[in-house]
C-alpha atoms as a PDB file:
ATOM      1  CA  MET A   1      34.441  -6.860  -3.768  1.00  0.00           C
ATOM      2  CA  LYS A   2      32.728  -8.708  -6.626  1.00  0.00           C
ATOM      3  CA  SER A   3      30.073  -5.972  -6.764  1.00  0.00           C
ATOM      4  CA  MET A   4      32.763  -3.278  -6.973  1.00  0.00           C
ATOM      5  CA  TRP A   5      34.415  -4.926 -10.014  1.00  0.00           C
ATOM      6  CA  LYS A   6      31.013  -5.348 -11.637  1.00  0.00           C
ATOM      7  CA  ASP A   7      30.262  -1.650 -11.115  1.00  0.00           C
ATOM      8  CA  LEU A   8      33.717  -0.685 -12.390  1.00  0.00           C
ATOM      9  CA  ARG A   9      33.257  -2.822 -15.544  1.00  0.00           C
ATOM     10  CA  SER A  10      29.824  -1.284 -16.155  1.00  0.00           C
ATOM     11  CA  SER A  11      31.211   2.224 -15.671  1.00  0.00           C
ATOM     12  CA  LEU A  12      34.139   1.605 -18.040  1.00  0.00           C
ATOM     13  CA  ALA A  13      31.810   0.089 -20.654  1.00  0.00           C
ATOM     14  CA  LEU A  14      29.502   3.101 -20.414  1.00  0.00           C
ATOM     15  CA  LEU A  15      32.501   5.439 -20.687  1.00  0.00           C
ATOM     16  CA  ALA A  16      33.684   3.616 -23.824  1.00  0.00           C
ATOM     17  CA  VAL A  17      30.224   3.726 -25.436  1.00  0.00           C
ATOM     18  CA  LEU A  18      29.666   7.417 -24.657  1.00  0.00           C
ATOM     19  CA  THR A  19      33.193   8.296 -25.816  1.00  0.00           C
ATOM     20  CA  ALA A  20      32.549   6.494 -29.110  1.00  0.00           C
ATOM     21  CA  ILE A  21      29.225   8.284 -29.597  1.00  0.00           C
ATOM     22  CA  THR A  22      30.035  11.806 -28.400  1.00  0.00           C
ATOM     23  CA  GLY A  23      33.751  11.820 -29.204  1.00  0.00           C
ATOM     24  CA  PHE A  24      33.760  10.143 -32.610  1.00  0.00           C
ATOM     25  CA  ALA A  25      30.364   9.312 -34.143  1.00  0.00           C
ATOM     26  CA  TYR A  26      28.590  12.631 -33.522  1.00  0.00           C
ATOM     27  CA  PRO A  27      31.521  14.937 -34.504  1.00  0.00           C
ATOM     28  CA  GLY A  28      32.187  12.733 -37.545  1.00  0.00           C
ATOM     29  CA  ALA A  29      28.549  12.930 -38.658  1.00  0.00           C
ATOM     30  CA  VAL A  30      28.417  16.715 -38.186  1.00  0.00           C
ATOM     31  CA  THR A  31      31.698  17.152 -40.074  1.00  0.00           C
ATOM     32  CA  ALA A  32      30.516  14.938 -42.944  1.00  0.00           C
ATOM     33  CA  LEU A  33      27.210  16.829 -43.147  1.00  0.00           C
ATOM     34  CA  ALA A  34      29.052  20.165 -43.170  1.00  0.00           C
ATOM     35  CA  HIS A  35      31.311  18.978 -46.000  1.00  0.00           C
ATOM     36  CA  LEU A  36      28.288  17.884 -48.012  1.00  0.00           C
ATOM     37  CA  ALA A  37      26.137  20.953 -47.398  1.00  0.00           C
ATOM     38  CA  PHE A  38      28.829  23.668 -47.244  1.00  0.00           C
ATOM     39  CA  PRO A  39      32.076  22.310 -48.747  1.00  0.00           C
ATOM     40  CA  TRP A  40      33.881  25.667 -49.190  1.00  0.00           C
ATOM     41  CA  GLN A  41      33.009  26.900 -45.694  1.00  0.00           C
ATOM     42  CA  ALA A  42      33.835  23.539 -44.083  1.00  0.00           C
ATOM     43  CA  GLN A  43      37.339  23.779 -45.527  1.00  0.00           C
ATOM     44  CA  GLY A  44      37.905  27.178 -43.889  1.00  0.00           C
ATOM     45  CA  SER A  45      36.641  29.479 -46.695  1.00  0.00           C
ATOM     46  CA  LEU A  46      40.157  29.441 -48.142  1.00  0.00           C
ATOM     47  CA  ILE A  47      41.079  31.841 -50.935  1.00  0.00           C
ATOM     48  CA  GLU A  48      43.556  30.599 -53.526  1.00  0.00           C
ATOM     49  CA  LYS A  49      45.680  32.328 -56.130  1.00  0.00           C
ATOM     50  CA  ASP A  50      47.606  30.367 -58.731  1.00  0.00           C
ATOM     51  CA  GLY A  51      46.866  27.136 -56.850  1.00  0.00           C
ATOM     52  CA  LYS A  52      48.243  28.435 -53.537  1.00  0.00           C
ATOM     53  CA  VAL A  53      46.210  29.344 -50.462  1.00  0.00           C
ATOM     54  CA  VAL A  54      46.707  33.053 -49.733  1.00  0.00           C
ATOM     55  CA  GLY A  55      44.245  33.405 -46.880  1.00  0.00           C
ATOM     56  CA  SER A  56      40.735  32.868 -45.640  1.00  0.00           C
ATOM     57  CA  ALA A  57      37.659  34.935 -46.411  1.00  0.00           C
ATOM     58  CA  LEU A  58      36.932  34.842 -42.668  1.00  0.00           C
ATOM     59  CA  ILE A  59      40.234  36.072 -41.214  1.00  0.00           C
ATOM     60  CA  GLY A  60      41.801  39.457 -41.885  1.00  0.00           C
ATOM     61  CA  GLN A  61      45.396  40.030 -42.903  1.00  0.00           C
ATOM     62  CA  SER A  62      47.793  42.846 -42.196  1.00  0.00           C
ATOM     63  CA  PHE A  63      48.340  45.120 -45.193  1.00  0.00           C
ATOM     64  CA  THR A  64      50.701  48.061 -44.620  1.00  0.00           C
ATOM     65  CA  SER A  65      51.847  49.082 -48.111  1.00  0.00           C
ATOM     66  CA  ALA A  66      50.409  52.334 -49.490  1.00  0.00           C
ATOM     67  CA  GLY A  67      49.197  50.434 -52.572  1.00  0.00           C
ATOM     68  CA  TYR A  68      46.811  48.242 -50.591  1.00  0.00           C
ATOM     69  CA  PHE A  69      43.598  48.880 -48.715  1.00  0.00           C
ATOM     70  CA  TRP A  70      44.128  48.491 -44.978  1.00  0.00           C
ATOM     71  CA  GLY A  71      41.741  46.505 -42.838  1.00  0.00           C
ATOM     72  CA  ARG A  72      40.474  46.963 -39.315  1.00  0.00           C
ATOM     73  CA  PRO A  73      43.073  46.951 -36.575  1.00  0.00           C
ATOM     74  CA  SER A  74      43.624  43.551 -35.013  1.00  0.00           C
ATOM     75  CA  ALA A  75      43.232  43.091 -31.266  1.00  0.00           C
ATOM     76  CA  THR A  76      45.157  39.819 -31.088  1.00  0.00           C
ATOM     77  CA  PRO A  77      47.980  40.284 -28.564  1.00  0.00           C
ATOM     78  CA  LYS A  78      51.026  38.542 -30.066  1.00  0.00           C
ATOM     79  CA  GLN A  79      50.725  39.227 -33.782  1.00  0.00           C
ATOM     80  CA  PRO A  80      48.015  40.777 -35.963  1.00  0.00           C
ATOM     81  CA  TYR A  81      45.170  38.500 -37.047  1.00  0.00           C
ATOM     82  CA  ASP A  82      46.409  35.483 -35.084  1.00  0.00           C
ATOM     83  CA  ALA A  83      43.454  33.091 -35.393  1.00  0.00           C
ATOM     84  CA  ALA A  84      44.851  30.873 -32.649  1.00  0.00           C
ATOM     85  CA  ASN A  85      44.718  33.769 -30.201  1.00  0.00           C
ATOM     86  CA  SER A  86      41.648  35.798 -31.108  1.00  0.00           C
ATOM     87  CA  GLY A  87      39.741  38.074 -28.806  1.00  0.00           C
ATOM     88  CA  ALA A  88      38.964  41.670 -28.105  1.00  0.00           C
ATOM     89  CA  SER A  89      40.891  43.995 -25.832  1.00  0.00           C
ATOM     90  CA  ASN A  90      37.820  44.133 -23.548  1.00  0.00           C
ATOM     91  CA  LEU A  91      38.575  47.770 -22.771  1.00  0.00           C
ATOM     92  CA  ALA A  92      35.643  49.962 -21.791  1.00  0.00           C
ATOM     93  CA  PRO A  93      34.808  52.884 -24.096  1.00  0.00           C
ATOM     94  CA  SER A  94      35.985  55.163 -21.289  1.00  0.00           C
ATOM     95  CA  ALA A  95      39.350  53.382 -20.850  1.00  0.00           C
ATOM     96  CA  LYS A  96      42.400  55.599 -21.291  1.00  0.00           C
ATOM     97  CA  ALA A  97      44.310  52.741 -22.977  1.00  0.00           C
ATOM     98  CA  LEU A  98      41.593  52.477 -25.648  1.00  0.00           C
ATOM     99  CA  ALA A  99      41.490  56.251 -26.173  1.00  0.00           C
ATOM    100  CA  ASP A 100      45.293  56.315 -26.487  1.00  0.00           C
ATOM    101  CA  SER A 101      45.389  53.480 -29.038  1.00  0.00           C
ATOM    102  CA  VAL A 102      42.598  55.094 -31.092  1.00  0.00           C
ATOM    103  CA  ALA A 103      44.440  58.440 -31.029  1.00  0.00           C
ATOM    104  CA  GLU A 104      47.660  56.717 -32.103  1.00  0.00           C
ATOM    105  CA  ARG A 105      45.909  54.910 -34.977  1.00  0.00           C
ATOM    106  CA  LYS A 106      44.194  58.122 -36.053  1.00  0.00           C
ATOM    107  CA  ALA A 107      47.489  60.026 -36.123  1.00  0.00           C
ATOM    108  CA  ALA A 108      49.123  57.266 -38.203  1.00  0.00           C
ATOM    109  CA  LEU A 109      46.192  57.190 -40.644  1.00  0.00           C
ATOM    110  CA  LEU A 110      46.135  60.964 -41.060  1.00  0.00           C
ATOM    111  CA  ASP A 111      49.908  60.935 -41.588  1.00  0.00           C
ATOM    112  CA  ALA A 112      49.491  58.330 -44.371  1.00  0.00           C
ATOM    113  CA  HIS A 113      46.611  60.309 -45.922  1.00  0.00           C
ATOM    114  CA  PRO A 114      47.777  63.938 -46.079  1.00  0.00           C
ATOM    115  CA  GLY A 115      45.071  66.409 -47.010  1.00  0.00           C
ATOM    116  CA  GLN A 116      42.236  63.988 -46.160  1.00  0.00           C
ATOM    117  CA  ALA A 117      39.508  66.250 -44.786  1.00  0.00           C
ATOM    118  CA  ASP A 118      36.837  63.625 -44.068  1.00  0.00           C
ATOM    119  CA  PRO A 119      36.720  62.092 -40.574  1.00  0.00           C
ATOM    120  CA  VAL A 120      38.474  58.740 -40.203  1.00  0.00           C
ATOM    121  CA  PRO A 121      35.864  55.942 -40.314  1.00  0.00           C
ATOM    122  CA  ALA A 122      35.463  54.180 -36.977  1.00  0.00           C
ATOM    123  CA  ASP A 123      36.294  50.740 -38.342  1.00  0.00           C
ATOM    124  CA  LEU A 124      39.805  51.936 -39.255  1.00  0.00           C
ATOM    125  CA  LEU A 125      40.339  53.033 -35.644  1.00  0.00           C
ATOM    126  CA  THR A 126      38.823  50.204 -33.600  1.00  0.00           C
ATOM    127  CA  ALA A 127      39.215  46.432 -33.670  1.00  0.00           C
ATOM    128  CA  SER A 128      36.310  44.037 -33.973  1.00  0.00           C
ATOM    129  CA  ALA A 129      35.263  41.761 -31.118  1.00  0.00           C
ATOM    130  CA  SER A 130      37.297  38.845 -32.465  1.00  0.00           C
ATOM    131  CA  GLY A 131      40.226  40.984 -33.592  1.00  0.00           C
ATOM    132  CA  LEU A 132      40.168  39.026 -36.871  1.00  0.00           C
ATOM    133  CA  ASP A 133      37.567  40.858 -38.967  1.00  0.00           C
ATOM    134  CA  PRO A 134      38.434  40.581 -42.683  1.00  0.00           C
ATOM    135  CA  HIS A 135      35.971  43.310 -43.724  1.00  0.00           C
ATOM    136  CA  ILE A 136      35.814  47.089 -43.783  1.00  0.00           C
ATOM    137  CA  THR A 137      32.881  49.358 -44.508  1.00  0.00           C
ATOM    138  CA  PRO A 138      32.484  50.980 -47.918  1.00  0.00           C
ATOM    139  CA  ALA A 139      33.192  54.319 -46.159  1.00  0.00           C
ATOM    140  CA  ALA A 140      36.541  52.995 -44.877  1.00  0.00           C
ATOM    141  CA  ALA A 141      37.480  51.835 -48.374  1.00  0.00           C
ATOM    142  CA  ALA A 142      36.370  55.133 -49.962  1.00  0.00           C
ATOM    143  CA  TRP A 143      38.483  57.012 -47.401  1.00  0.00           C
ATOM    144  CA  GLN A 144      41.597  55.169 -48.654  1.00  0.00           C
ATOM    145  CA  VAL A 145      40.976  55.360 -52.428  1.00  0.00           C
ATOM    146  CA  LYS A 146      43.207  58.371 -53.111  1.00  0.00           C
ATOM    147  CA  ARG A 147      46.242  56.835 -51.352  1.00  0.00           C
ATOM    148  CA  VAL A 148      45.820  53.458 -53.069  1.00  0.00           C
ATOM    149  CA  ALA A 149      45.232  55.004 -56.503  1.00  0.00           C
ATOM    150  CA  ASN A 150      48.273  57.273 -56.195  1.00  0.00           C
ATOM    151  CA  ALA A 151      50.525  54.415 -55.048  1.00  0.00           C
ATOM    152  CA  ARG A 152      49.437  52.256 -57.980  1.00  0.00           C
ATOM    153  CA  ARG A 153      49.286  55.110 -60.498  1.00  0.00           C
ATOM    154  CA  ALA A 154      45.685  54.180 -61.189  1.00  0.00           C
ATOM    155  CA  PRO A 155      42.715  56.456 -61.903  1.00  0.00           C
ATOM    156  CA  GLN A 156      40.780  57.150 -58.700  1.00  0.00           C
ATOM    157  CA  GLU A 157      37.430  56.643 -60.425  1.00  0.00           C
ATOM    158  CA  GLU A 158      38.451  53.154 -61.558  1.00  0.00           C
ATOM    159  CA  VAL A 159      39.634  52.260 -58.065  1.00  0.00           C
ATOM    160  CA  ARG A 160      36.295  53.542 -56.708  1.00  0.00           C
ATOM    161  CA  ALA A 161      34.480  51.357 -59.260  1.00  0.00           C
ATOM    162  CA  LEU A 162      36.488  48.337 -58.078  1.00  0.00           C
ATOM    163  CA  VAL A 163      35.562  49.113 -54.470  1.00  0.00           C
ATOM    164  CA  SER A 164      31.913  49.305 -55.500  1.00  0.00           C
ATOM    165  CA  ARG A 165      32.183  45.982 -57.340  1.00  0.00           C
ATOM    166  CA  PHE A 166      33.573  44.258 -54.222  1.00  0.00           C
ATOM    167  CA  THR A 167      30.992  45.710 -51.839  1.00  0.00           C
ATOM    168  CA  GLU A 168      28.937  42.843 -50.411  1.00  0.00           C
ATOM    169  CA  ASP A 169      25.302  43.472 -49.487  1.00  0.00           C
ATOM    170  CA  ARG A 170      23.619  42.589 -46.216  1.00  0.00           C
ATOM    171  CA  GLU A 171      23.120  38.852 -45.646  1.00  0.00           C
ATOM    172  CA  ALA A 172      19.655  37.876 -46.900  1.00  0.00           C
ATOM    173  CA  GLY A 173      19.073  41.582 -47.491  1.00  0.00           C
ATOM    174  CA  ILE A 174      18.562  42.347 -43.787  1.00  0.00           C
ATOM    175  CA  LEU A 175      21.454  41.034 -41.657  1.00  0.00           C
ATOM    176  CA  GLY A 176      24.576  43.071 -40.981  1.00  0.00           C
ATOM    177  CA  GLU A 177      25.837  46.009 -42.984  1.00  0.00           C
ATOM    178  CA  PRO A 178      27.371  46.371 -46.453  1.00  0.00           C
ATOM    179  CA  ARG A 179      31.042  45.391 -46.277  1.00  0.00           C
ATOM    180  CA  ILE A 180      34.153  44.722 -48.323  1.00  0.00           C
ATOM    181  CA  ASN A 181      36.518  41.793 -47.899  1.00  0.00           C
ATOM    182  CA  VAL A 182      39.945  43.468 -47.842  1.00  0.00           C
ATOM    183  CA  LEU A 183      41.906  40.446 -49.099  1.00  0.00           C
ATOM    184  CA  LYS A 184      39.613  39.935 -52.100  1.00  0.00           C
ATOM    185  CA  LEU A 185      39.732  43.650 -52.947  1.00  0.00           C
ATOM    186  CA  ASN A 186      43.532  43.761 -52.704  1.00  0.00           C
ATOM    187  CA  MET A 187      43.859  40.658 -54.888  1.00  0.00           C
ATOM    188  CA  ALA A 188      41.693  42.366 -57.516  1.00  0.00           C
ATOM    189  CA  LEU A 189      43.941  45.443 -57.279  1.00  0.00           C
ATOM    190  CA  ASP A 190      47.010  43.279 -57.915  1.00  0.00           C
ATOM    191  CA  GLU A 191      45.361  41.772 -60.976  1.00  0.00           C
ATOM    192  CA  ARG A 192      44.295  45.111 -62.417  1.00  0.00           C
ATOM    193  CA  TRP A 193      47.270  47.281 -61.418  1.00  0.00           C
ATOM    194  CA  PRO A 194      50.219  45.089 -60.329  1.00  0.00           C
ATOM    195  CA  MET A 195      52.650  46.647 -57.861  1.00  0.00           C
ATOM    196  CA  LYS A 196      56.034  47.357 -59.392  1.00  0.00           C
END
């Protein structure tokens, strides 16, 4: 009996020590290091306007007005771009449900862009793996320029120049593809040509 209590005390002491190390000390050290090395990213890459947080550079937002660039579709099930519930649809490329949703998105996009002869860019039809992607390709932005410019009564060439200015290059020159953060681009649109 005495041996059992001794073993129990040793086990509880070990549990307490390991909980302190792995549950508090290690996460605290990693968090502190992240705040020192990458303060903006460690805070969630938050974007502010007039002292208020309007979003994150890492999570897309739903824009539906004709005067804004639209992002990739969101695959989150309850509401668009729900960071607490991210994930892809996990549908196979051959799945009828995926083909139907792509066809529905394509019809809606073509309806909102009458006379657009170019094919709809794939990133406007399909969600990213997380369902939260805040970026679109330069081709997806260029495809929407006419609609956005007309809605804001802005010259198309100036809107194209703004798109070009907000096009981010590949990471380190080799990783990923050129992309545009939709929230940042739409904020710049609001500054240059406010919606009335």
